[in-house]
Amino acid sequence: MSRGTIALMVMVLLFGLGAIFVAREMKTTLSSPAGVRLASQERLRNLATALGAYRQAHQAWPESQLQLLRDRKLAMGAVAGVLYRRPAANAAPPDQVVFWREQLLPAVARGEPWAGPGQPAERDMPAVGHVVTVDLAFAALPPDEFARRVPAAPR
């Protein structure tokens, strides 16, 4: 084997190990409480953007999440763990909730794992519920307000 071939094999091995390390770190970070909250926030903001584009194109609210997904060519995973309620015809108050996470994000006490290994929460992080309102604003609500403003799931 020539030196060039050996050098190429070593480089490929180093890149492969680096990719594995980065993937492992990203998975750990995204599965941490801080990562879950950030991912939830981004998912709802992206859905708010898609909903705004749908409203601009159709001058109406989608009947269901599926209609929004089809129109905006989104994957089903875009609404995983998120519920939608079509607001009443233009009479909806601007703070009415249209998208929300099915479950509250749990509280994290000071000192418990927060942003990954070796990164505990510096203060108590209360439980929150993430929502998007009719005016397409994202909000993180405390549990009591979340329970008051989020409609009961249809049975």
Protein backbone atom coordinates (compact mmCIF):
# COMPACT_ATOMS: atom_id res chain seq x y z
CA MET A 1 0.00 0.00 0.00
CA SER A 2 1.24 3.44 -0.81
CA ARG A 3 1.53 6.28 1.71
CA GLY A 4 -1.28 8.15 -0.02
CA THR A 5 -3.67 5.23 0.42
CA ILE A 6 -2.75 4.88 4.10
CA ALA A 7 -3.18 8.62 4.65
CA LEU A 8 -6.58 8.51 2.93
CA MET A 9 -7.70 5.58 5.10
CA VAL A 10 -6.60 7.39 8.27
CA MET A 11 -8.47 10.54 7.19
CA VAL A 12 -11.64 8.59 6.43
CA LEU A 13 -11.38 6.86 9.81
CA LEU A 14 -10.93 10.21 11.61
CA PHE A 15 -13.89 11.77 9.76
CA GLY A 16 -16.03 8.74 10.56
CA LEU A 17 -15.14 8.85 14.26
CA GLY A 18 -15.74 12.60 14.31
CA ALA A 19 -19.18 12.18 12.75
CA ILE A 20 -20.10 9.51 15.31
CA PHE A 21 -18.95 11.74 18.17
CA VAL A 22 -20.88 14.76 16.87
CA ALA A 23 -24.04 12.70 16.32
CA ARG A 24 -23.81 11.29 19.85
CA GLU A 25 -23.34 14.75 21.36
CA MET A 26 -26.27 16.17 19.36
CA LYS A 27 -28.53 13.32 20.43
CA THR A 28 -27.59 13.86 24.08
CA THR A 29 -28.16 17.60 23.80
CA LEU A 30 -31.50 17.30 22.02
CA SER A 31 -32.79 14.70 24.49
CA SER A 32 -31.91 16.88 27.49
CA PRO A 33 -34.72 18.95 29.05
CA ALA A 34 -33.25 22.13 27.56
CA GLY A 35 -32.99 20.49 24.12
CA VAL A 36 -36.56 19.18 24.28
CA ARG A 37 -37.85 22.67 25.14
CA LEU A 38 -35.85 24.23 22.33
CA ALA A 39 -37.05 21.62 19.81
CA SER A 40 -40.66 22.13 20.93
CA GLN A 41 -40.35 25.88 20.57
CA GLU A 42 -38.82 25.59 17.10
CA ARG A 43 -41.47 23.08 15.96
CA LEU A 44 -44.31 25.38 17.01
CA ARG A 45 -42.66 28.46 15.47
CA ASN A 46 -42.22 26.55 12.20
CA LEU A 47 -45.88 25.50 12.30
CA ALA A 48 -46.88 29.12 12.93
CA THR A 49 -44.91 30.15 9.85
CA ALA A 50 -46.56 27.39 7.79
CA LEU A 51 -49.98 28.42 9.10
CA GLY A 52 -49.28 32.05 8.17
CA ALA A 53 -48.33 31.00 4.63
CA TYR A 54 -51.48 28.86 4.37
CA ARG A 55 -53.65 31.76 5.55
CA GLN A 56 -52.03 34.13 3.09
CA ALA A 57 -52.54 31.69 0.20
CA HIS A 58 -56.12 30.66 1.03
CA GLN A 59 -57.52 33.52 3.14
CA ALA A 60 -58.92 30.86 5.50
CA TRP A 61 -57.92 28.56 8.34
CA PRO A 62 -57.15 24.93 7.49
CA GLU A 63 -59.83 22.50 8.59
CA SER A 64 -57.24 20.16 10.10
CA GLN A 65 -53.55 19.62 10.60
CA LEU A 66 -53.60 17.21 7.67
CA GLN A 67 -54.89 19.91 5.34
CA LEU A 68 -52.06 22.21 6.45
CA LEU A 69 -49.48 19.45 6.02
CA ARG A 70 -50.65 18.61 2.50
CA ASP A 71 -50.84 22.22 1.37
CA ARG A 72 -47.44 23.20 2.76
CA LYS A 73 -45.86 19.81 1.81
CA LEU A 74 -44.77 19.08 5.38
CA ALA A 75 -43.95 15.67 6.83
CA MET A 76 -46.21 14.08 9.45
CA GLY A 77 -43.41 14.49 11.98
CA ALA A 78 -43.92 18.26 11.81
CA VAL A 79 -47.02 17.92 13.99
CA ALA A 80 -45.93 15.02 16.19
CA GLY A 81 -47.12 15.74 19.71
CA VAL A 82 -48.91 18.91 18.60
CA LEU A 83 -52.67 19.49 18.39
CA TYR A 84 -54.60 22.04 16.32
CA ARG A 85 -57.98 23.71 16.70
CA ARG A 86 -59.47 25.77 13.92
CA PRO A 87 -60.61 29.08 15.42
CA ALA A 88 -64.09 30.46 14.96
CA ALA A 89 -64.64 32.65 11.89
CA ASN A 90 -62.62 35.88 12.33
CA ALA A 91 -64.20 36.52 15.74
CA ALA A 92 -61.39 34.78 17.61
CA PRO A 93 -59.52 36.84 20.18
CA PRO A 94 -55.84 37.31 19.28
CA ASP A 95 -54.72 35.22 22.26
CA GLN A 96 -56.86 32.17 21.39
CA VAL A 97 -54.71 29.06 21.10
CA VAL A 98 -54.62 27.28 17.73
CA PHE A 99 -51.58 24.96 18.16
CA TRP A 100 -50.36 23.43 21.40
CA ARG A 101 -48.17 20.62 22.68
CA GLU A 102 -50.21 17.68 23.91
CA GLN A 103 -48.31 17.58 27.17
CA LEU A 104 -46.65 20.06 29.47
CA LEU A 105 -42.88 20.07 29.53
CA PRO A 106 -41.92 18.95 33.05
CA ALA A 107 -40.26 21.11 35.67
CA VAL A 108 -36.56 20.71 36.38
CA ALA A 109 -35.21 21.48 39.84
CA ARG A 110 -31.99 23.39 40.40
CA GLY A 111 -29.04 21.02 40.19
CA GLU A 112 -30.85 18.36 38.11
CA PRO A 113 -29.57 17.56 34.59
CA TRP A 114 -30.64 20.35 32.24
CA ALA A 115 -28.52 20.85 29.13
CA GLY A 116 -26.66 17.57 29.06
CA PRO A 117 -24.14 15.68 31.12
CA GLY A 118 -22.31 17.92 33.56
CA GLN A 119 -24.63 20.84 32.86
CA PRO A 120 -27.18 21.01 35.69
CA ALA A 121 -29.94 23.59 35.91
CA GLU A 122 -28.65 26.74 37.58
CA ARG A 123 -32.15 27.59 38.83
CA ASP A 124 -35.52 25.88 39.10
CA MET A 125 -37.16 25.58 35.69
CA PRO A 126 -40.94 25.45 36.03
CA ALA A 127 -43.18 23.24 33.95
CA VAL A 128 -44.45 25.00 30.82
CA GLY A 129 -46.87 24.41 27.99
CA HIS A 130 -45.98 25.67 24.52
CA VAL A 131 -48.71 27.19 22.36
CA VAL A 132 -49.27 29.26 19.20
CA THR A 133 -52.10 31.80 19.24
CA VAL A 134 -54.41 33.08 16.49
CA ASP A 135 -52.05 35.98 15.84
CA LEU A 136 -49.35 33.31 15.19
CA ALA A 137 -47.35 34.24 18.29
CA PHE A 138 -45.50 31.57 20.26
CA ALA A 139 -46.00 31.50 24.04
CA ALA A 140 -44.71 29.40 26.93
CA LEU A 141 -47.52 29.20 29.49
CA PRO A 142 -47.41 28.11 33.13
CA PRO A 143 -49.47 24.95 33.84
CA ASP A 144 -52.51 26.76 35.30
CA GLU A 145 -52.81 29.15 32.36
CA PHE A 146 -52.13 26.33 29.90
CA ALA A 147 -55.00 24.30 31.41
CA ARG A 148 -57.29 27.33 31.23
CA ARG A 149 -56.49 28.39 27.65
CA VAL A 150 -55.95 25.06 25.89
CA PRO A 151 -59.14 23.33 24.79
CA ALA A 152 -59.87 19.83 25.96
CA ALA A 153 -58.81 17.24 23.42
CA PRO A 154 -61.71 16.04 21.25
CA ARG A 155 -63.06 12.65 22.30
